[in-house]
Amino acid sequence: MIRVFAGLGALVLLLFAASLLIGPAGLPVSDSIDALFRGEGEAITLVMREIRLPRALLAVMVGASLGLSGAALQGYLRNPLAEPGLIGVSGSAALGAVLAIQSGLAAAFALALPLAALGGAVGAVVLILLLAGPRGSALTLILAGIAISALAGACTSLVLNLSPNPFAASEIVFWLLGSLADRSMQHVGLVAPFMAAGAVALLSLGRGLDALTLGEDAAAALGIDLARLRLMLILGVAATVGAATAVAGSIGFVGLVAPHILRRAVGAKPSRVLPASALGGAAMVLAADIAVRLIAPERDLKLGVLIALVGAPFFLRLILTQRREM
């Protein structure tokens, strides 16, 4: 078990270093390190500290947030097909960002887009709590999330359909594809508190999710407050996924695939799957972000597109493997 976590941690560190040192500028490794830590060379320092460093940090933060939230939802719903977009937070955050782009706020104020996306995520949480109620079942939570996600998707499509500005529509489409390019330390500072608070909330649910594997009645008999666990889950997922969507756009499959890959390696215990999925998600997004720079740097291949192209076939393979085992 310790070896698995040590290996995941080492992989994340290796990919983080590669993300800092790999890019279209083709900077020498020694010069890049000196610029990052000592500030030597004005142009290289700008590239390392203002372009590559925030991009690498956000890749870790976004991947860890998506992987952790996916594992938490799968543990709570006891459904391996659950993923972060299930409760509608990512769709609502995307709608907030789309409205900021369409209204021109994103062009007038640099942080208007992520702030609007976070506002959309907060709105989704309020709607979920109103629709599902304080003591609603898991099924009620799923139905409320599907309804909110469908409504947010429809509103996003409506904005695109009625957009009189083709440039704004094009920007919306490209943003929805997901990317970490052109992000700054301001974006890191904006979403870091939300991701940290959400991660703490989700990691604290380990004992309750372990008890839920025996069923809700058994978990309640063991002293688990199911209403509190559900509230912490909603708030934690909303904070992590909403913040991730705010800075990276819509990125799928990370929260779905990462727990699947690592569940057997850590013994399928939810309290262990949570941190493992966070590390696995960070590694996935880091690797994908490095790949988009190497595959087609001149065409600006989007991060969400590449992850979907790789994640969908991998997930289909997992399904076929489970069918053969059954």
Protein backbone atom coordinates (compact mmCIF):
# COMPACT_ATOMS: atom_id res chain seq x y z
CA MET A 1 0.00 0.00 0.00
CA ILE A 2 2.77 2.41 0.95
CA ARG A 3 4.56 1.53 -2.27
CA VAL A 4 1.49 2.46 -4.32
CA PHE A 5 1.22 5.90 -2.73
CA ALA A 6 4.98 6.44 -2.92
CA GLY A 7 4.95 5.49 -6.60
CA LEU A 8 2.04 7.82 -7.33
CA GLY A 9 3.74 10.67 -5.48
CA ALA A 10 6.98 10.11 -7.36
CA LEU A 11 5.10 9.99 -10.68
CA VAL A 12 3.36 13.30 -9.94
CA LEU A 13 6.67 14.94 -9.01
CA LEU A 14 8.34 13.61 -12.16
CA LEU A 15 5.53 14.83 -14.40
CA PHE A 16 5.45 18.18 -12.60
CA ALA A 17 9.16 18.66 -13.31
CA ALA A 18 8.63 17.61 -16.93
CA SER A 19 5.77 20.09 -17.25
CA LEU A 20 8.09 22.88 -16.10
CA LEU A 21 10.89 21.91 -18.48
CA ILE A 22 8.96 20.95 -21.63
CA GLY A 23 7.51 23.56 -23.95
CA PRO A 24 7.57 25.00 -27.47
CA ALA A 25 10.27 27.52 -26.47
CA GLY A 26 12.86 24.74 -26.25
CA LEU A 27 14.75 26.30 -23.35
CA PRO A 28 17.88 24.55 -21.99
CA VAL A 29 17.25 22.64 -18.77
CA SER A 30 19.99 24.38 -16.77
CA ASP A 31 18.85 27.84 -17.88
CA SER A 32 15.23 26.97 -17.05
CA ILE A 33 16.14 25.86 -13.54
CA ASP A 34 18.24 28.97 -12.92
CA ALA A 35 15.46 31.20 -14.19
CA LEU A 36 12.85 29.47 -12.01
CA PHE A 37 14.77 29.51 -8.73
CA ARG A 38 17.20 32.41 -9.16
CA GLY A 39 15.43 34.66 -11.64
CA GLU A 40 18.39 34.70 -14.04
CA GLY A 41 17.50 35.92 -17.52
CA GLU A 42 14.54 38.24 -17.86
CA ALA A 43 12.82 36.51 -20.79
CA ILE A 44 13.41 32.99 -19.50
CA THR A 45 12.28 33.97 -16.01
CA LEU A 46 9.05 35.32 -17.46
CA VAL A 47 8.41 32.06 -19.32
CA MET A 48 9.17 29.86 -16.31
CA ARG A 49 7.46 31.83 -13.56
CA GLU A 50 4.53 33.38 -15.38
CA ILE A 51 3.67 30.72 -17.98
CA ARG A 52 4.97 27.26 -17.13
CA LEU A 53 4.81 27.34 -13.32
CA PRO A 54 1.12 28.35 -13.02
CA ARG A 55 0.22 25.89 -15.78
CA ALA A 56 1.95 23.02 -13.98
CA LEU A 57 0.44 23.99 -10.62
CA LEU A 58 -3.05 24.17 -12.10
CA ALA A 59 -2.60 20.80 -13.80
CA VAL A 60 -1.87 19.23 -10.41
CA MET A 61 -4.69 21.08 -8.68
CA VAL A 62 -7.31 20.42 -11.36
CA GLY A 63 -6.38 16.76 -11.75
CA ALA A 64 -6.34 16.13 -8.01
CA SER A 65 -9.69 17.91 -7.57
CA LEU A 66 -11.41 15.92 -10.32
CA GLY A 67 -9.93 12.59 -9.24
CA LEU A 68 -10.81 13.15 -5.58
CA SER A 69 -14.37 14.31 -6.26
CA GLY A 70 -14.98 11.37 -8.61
CA ALA A 71 -13.80 8.89 -5.99
CA ALA A 72 -15.96 10.54 -3.31
CA LEU A 73 -19.09 10.40 -5.46
CA GLN A 74 -18.47 6.79 -6.43
CA GLY A 75 -17.99 5.89 -2.78
CA TYR A 76 -21.11 7.68 -1.60
CA LEU A 77 -23.39 6.44 -4.38
CA ARG A 78 -21.72 3.01 -4.43
CA ASN A 79 -21.74 3.31 -8.19
CA PRO A 80 -18.50 3.02 -10.20
CA LEU A 81 -20.08 5.03 -13.04
CA ALA A 82 -20.51 8.18 -10.92
CA GLU A 83 -18.38 11.15 -11.96
CA PRO A 84 -17.96 14.80 -10.92
CA GLY A 85 -20.40 16.18 -13.48
CA LEU A 86 -23.22 14.03 -12.11
CA ILE A 87 -24.60 16.62 -9.69
CA GLY A 88 -24.53 19.45 -12.23
CA VAL A 89 -21.78 21.59 -10.71
CA SER A 90 -19.45 21.49 -13.72
CA GLY A 91 -22.28 22.32 -16.13
CA SER A 92 -23.42 25.25 -13.99
CA ALA A 93 -19.85 26.53 -13.64
CA ALA A 94 -19.46 26.31 -17.41
CA LEU A 95 -22.70 28.29 -17.85
CA GLY A 96 -21.40 31.05 -15.59
CA ALA A 97 -18.21 31.28 -17.63
CA VAL A 98 -20.16 31.30 -20.89
CA LEU A 99 -22.30 34.20 -19.68
CA ALA A 100 -19.15 36.11 -18.71
CA ILE A 101 -17.71 35.63 -22.20
CA GLN A 102 -20.94 36.49 -23.99
CA SER A 103 -21.60 39.62 -21.91
CA GLY A 104 -18.07 40.93 -22.45
CA LEU A 105 -17.11 40.82 -18.77
CA ALA A 106 -14.30 38.36 -19.49
CA ALA A 107 -12.72 40.85 -21.90
CA ALA A 108 -13.10 43.78 -19.50
CA PHE A 109 -11.80 42.04 -16.37
CA ALA A 110 -9.20 39.27 -16.41
CA LEU A 111 -10.68 37.27 -13.52
CA ALA A 112 -14.32 37.79 -14.48
CA LEU A 113 -14.50 34.41 -16.23
CA PRO A 114 -13.33 32.21 -13.32
CA LEU A 115 -15.32 34.30 -10.84
CA ALA A 116 -18.47 33.87 -12.91
CA ALA A 117 -17.81 30.13 -13.15
CA LEU A 118 -17.45 29.91 -9.38
CA GLY A 119 -20.72 31.82 -9.06
CA GLY A 120 -22.38 29.26 -11.32
CA ALA A 121 -21.06 26.44 -9.11
CA VAL A 122 -22.42 28.14 -5.99
CA GLY A 123 -25.81 28.48 -7.70
CA ALA A 124 -25.78 24.76 -8.48
CA VAL A 125 -25.12 23.92 -4.83
CA VAL A 126 -28.04 26.07 -3.70
CA LEU A 127 -30.35 24.41 -6.22
CA ILE A 128 -29.20 20.91 -5.24
CA LEU A 129 -29.82 21.59 -1.56
CA LEU A 130 -33.25 23.04 -2.33
CA LEU A 131 -34.29 20.22 -4.66
CA ALA A 132 -32.82 17.26 -2.80
CA GLY A 133 -33.65 18.52 0.68
CA PRO A 134 -31.56 18.17 3.82
CA ARG A 135 -32.31 14.44 4.23
CA GLY A 136 -32.95 13.29 0.68
CA SER A 137 -31.75 9.92 -0.54
CA ALA A 138 -28.90 9.21 -2.94
CA LEU A 139 -31.45 8.75 -5.72
CA THR A 140 -32.90 12.21 -5.01
CA LEU A 141 -29.41 13.70 -5.20
CA ILE A 142 -28.77 12.03 -8.56
CA LEU A 143 -32.10 13.18 -10.01
CA ALA A 144 -31.55 16.74 -8.80
CA GLY A 145 -28.05 16.74 -10.27
CA ILE A 146 -29.24 15.41 -13.63
CA ALA A 147 -31.96 18.06 -13.78
CA ILE A 148 -29.52 20.88 -12.97
CA SER A 149 -26.95 19.55 -15.42
CA ALA A 150 -29.55 19.31 -18.20
CA LEU A 151 -30.81 22.83 -17.48
CA ALA A 152 -27.28 24.28 -17.45
CA GLY A 153 -26.44 22.50 -20.71
CA ALA A 154 -29.61 23.77 -22.34
CA CYS A 155 -28.92 27.34 -21.22
CA THR A 156 -25.35 27.12 -22.52
CA SER A 157 -26.65 25.92 -25.89
CA LEU A 158 -29.22 28.72 -25.89
CA VAL A 159 -26.52 31.35 -25.34
CA LEU A 160 -24.52 29.91 -28.25
CA ASN A 161 -27.62 29.73 -30.43
CA LEU A 162 -28.64 33.33 -29.82
CA SER A 163 -25.13 34.81 -29.75
CA PRO A 164 -24.95 37.73 -32.23
CA ASN A 165 -21.16 37.83 -31.97
CA PRO A 166 -19.39 35.02 -33.85
CA PHE A 167 -16.10 35.82 -32.10
CA ALA A 168 -17.69 35.39 -28.67
CA ALA A 169 -19.33 32.14 -29.80
CA SER A 170 -15.98 30.85 -31.04
CA GLU A 171 -14.30 31.78 -27.77
CA ILE A 172 -17.04 30.01 -25.83
CA VAL A 173 -16.64 26.82 -27.84
CA PHE A 174 -12.86 26.80 -27.41
CA TRP A 175 -13.15 27.48 -23.68
CA LEU A 176 -15.61 24.61 -23.24
CA LEU A 177 -13.06 22.23 -24.80
CA GLY A 178 -10.83 22.68 -21.75
CA SER A 179 -7.30 24.06 -21.54
CA LEU A 180 -4.64 25.27 -19.12
CA ALA A 181 -2.87 27.56 -21.57
CA ASP A 182 -2.51 31.28 -20.80
CA ARG A 183 -3.27 30.89 -17.10
CA SER A 184 -1.44 32.97 -14.50
CA MET A 185 -0.64 32.88 -10.80
CA GLN A 186 -3.75 34.98 -10.28
CA HIS A 187 -5.83 32.01 -11.37
CA VAL A 188 -3.87 29.76 -9.02
CA GLY A 189 -4.46 32.10 -6.09
CA LEU A 190 -8.15 32.49 -6.94
CA VAL A 191 -9.08 28.80 -6.96
CA ALA A 192 -6.56 27.40 -4.47
CA PRO A 193 -8.66 28.21 -1.35
CA PHE A 194 -11.77 26.58 -2.85
CA MET A 195 -9.88 23.47 -3.93
CA ALA A 196 -8.10 23.18 -0.57
CA ALA A 197 -11.33 23.55 1.42
CA GLY A 198 -13.13 21.07 -0.84
CA ALA A 199 -10.29 18.56 -0.62
CA VAL A 200 -10.25 18.74 3.19
CA ALA A 201 -14.03 18.19 3.27
CA LEU A 202 -13.88 15.18 0.93
CA LEU A 203 -10.87 13.54 2.58
CA SER A 204 -12.63 13.78 5.95
CA LEU A 205 -15.41 11.52 4.61
CA GLY A 206 -13.20 8.42 4.44
CA ARG A 207 -14.59 6.68 7.54
CA GLY A 208 -18.19 7.41 6.58
CA LEU A 209 -17.71 6.13 3.02
CA ASP A 210 -16.07 2.97 4.37
CA ALA A 211 -19.13 2.40 6.56
CA LEU A 212 -21.48 3.03 3.63
CA THR A 213 -20.08 0.00 1.82
CA LEU A 214 -22.15 -2.03 4.32
CA GLY A 215 -25.32 -0.08 3.50
CA GLU A 216 -26.97 3.05 4.87
CA ASP A 217 -28.64 1.25 7.81
CA ALA A 218 -25.36 -0.31 8.89
CA ALA A 219 -23.55 3.01 8.52
CA ALA A 220 -26.16 4.77 10.68
CA ALA A 221 -25.84 2.00 13.28
CA LEU A 222 -22.09 2.62 13.36
CA GLY A 223 -22.72 6.25 14.28
CA ILE A 224 -22.32 7.88 10.85
CA ASP A 225 -24.40 11.03 10.42
CA LEU A 226 -25.62 10.44 6.86
CA ALA A 227 -27.18 13.89 6.49
CA ARG A 228 -23.91 15.59 7.47
CA LEU A 229 -21.91 13.26 5.23
CA ARG A 230 -24.14 14.08 2.29
CA LEU A 231 -23.89 17.83 2.92
CA MET A 232 -20.10 17.69 3.19
CA LEU A 233 -19.97 15.64 -0.01
CA ILE A 234 -22.04 18.19 -1.95
CA LEU A 235 -20.04 21.14 -0.65
CA GLY A 236 -16.70 19.40 -1.21
CA VAL A 237 -17.51 18.32 -4.77
CA ALA A 238 -18.93 21.75 -5.58
CA ALA A 239 -15.81 23.54 -4.30
CA THR A 240 -13.30 21.29 -6.08
CA VAL A 241 -15.15 20.72 -9.36
CA GLY A 242 -16.45 24.28 -9.58
CA ALA A 243 -12.95 25.70 -9.07
CA ALA A 244 -11.44 23.25 -11.57
CA THR A 245 -14.02 24.14 -14.21
CA ALA A 246 -13.52 27.84 -13.50
CA VAL A 247 -9.87 27.77 -14.58
CA ALA A 248 -9.67 24.83 -16.99
CA GLY A 249 -13.05 24.59 -18.69
CA SER A 250 -14.88 21.30 -19.09
CA ILE A 251 -12.54 18.34 -18.60
CA GLY A 252 -14.15 14.93 -18.39
CA PHE A 253 -13.16 11.34 -17.66
CA VAL A 254 -10.52 12.17 -15.03
CA GLY A 255 -12.90 11.73 -12.10
CA LEU A 256 -14.39 8.64 -13.74
CA VAL A 257 -11.25 6.80 -14.84
CA ALA A 258 -8.73 7.63 -12.07
CA PRO A 259 -10.65 5.80 -9.28
CA HIS A 260 -11.14 2.79 -11.59
CA ILE A 261 -7.44 2.51 -12.33
CA LEU A 262 -6.38 2.64 -8.69
CA ARG A 263 -9.25 0.96 -6.83
CA ARG A 264 -7.78 -2.54 -6.89
CA ALA A 265 -4.26 -1.33 -6.19
CA VAL A 266 -5.32 0.20 -2.85
CA GLY A 267 -7.73 -2.53 -1.82
CA ALA A 268 -11.02 -0.93 -2.93
CA LYS A 269 -11.46 0.80 0.43
CA PRO A 270 -12.99 4.26 -0.16
CA SER A 271 -10.80 5.95 2.47
CA ARG A 272 -7.75 4.76 0.52
CA VAL A 273 -9.22 5.35 -2.94
CA LEU A 274 -9.76 9.06 -2.15
CA PRO A 275 -6.08 10.14 -1.82
CA ALA A 276 -4.97 7.64 -4.45
CA SER A 277 -7.44 9.07 -6.96
CA ALA A 278 -6.28 12.60 -6.18
CA LEU A 279 -2.69 11.64 -7.02
CA GLY A 280 -3.79 9.62 -10.05
CA GLY A 281 -5.92 12.48 -11.37
CA ALA A 282 -3.03 14.92 -10.95
CA ALA A 283 -0.75 12.57 -12.89
CA MET A 284 -3.34 12.15 -15.67
CA VAL A 285 -3.84 15.88 -16.23
CA LEU A 286 -0.11 16.61 -16.03
CA ALA A 287 0.65 13.92 -18.60
CA ALA A 288 -2.14 15.10 -20.90
CA ASP A 289 -1.05 18.74 -20.62
CA ILE A 290 2.51 17.77 -21.56
CA ALA A 291 1.18 15.75 -24.49
CA VAL A 292 -0.84 18.64 -25.97
CA ARG A 293 2.36 20.71 -26.13
CA LEU A 294 4.25 17.96 -27.94
CA ILE A 295 1.62 16.56 -30.33
CA ALA A 296 0.46 19.72 -32.08
CA PRO A 297 1.88 22.85 -30.42
CA GLU A 298 1.08 25.03 -33.41
CA ARG A 299 -2.60 23.96 -33.55
CA ASP A 300 -3.42 24.48 -29.84
CA LEU A 301 -4.82 21.00 -29.21
CA LYS A 302 -7.21 21.32 -26.27
CA LEU A 303 -6.61 19.43 -23.04
CA GLY A 304 -10.21 18.27 -22.65
CA VAL A 305 -10.23 16.86 -26.18
CA LEU A 306 -7.09 14.78 -25.65
CA ILE A 307 -8.25 13.42 -22.29
CA ALA A 308 -11.59 12.41 -23.81
CA LEU A 309 -9.88 10.73 -26.78
CA VAL A 310 -7.70 8.69 -24.42
CA GLY A 311 -10.18 8.24 -21.58
CA ALA A 312 -13.17 6.99 -23.53
CA PRO A 313 -11.46 3.94 -25.14
CA PHE A 314 -9.74 3.14 -21.84
CA PHE A 315 -13.06 3.22 -20.03
CA LEU A 316 -14.65 0.99 -22.67
CA ARG A 317 -11.81 -1.47 -22.15
CA LEU A 318 -12.51 -1.48 -18.41
CA ILE A 319 -16.17 -2.23 -19.06
CA LEU A 320 -15.31 -5.15 -21.37
CA THR A 321 -12.84 -6.52 -18.82
CA GLN A 322 -15.48 -6.42 -16.08
CA ARG A 323 -17.99 -8.16 -18.35
CA ARG A 324 -15.56 -11.01 -19.00
CA GLU A 325 -14.86 -11.36 -15.26
CA MET A 326 -18.57 -11.49 -14.49
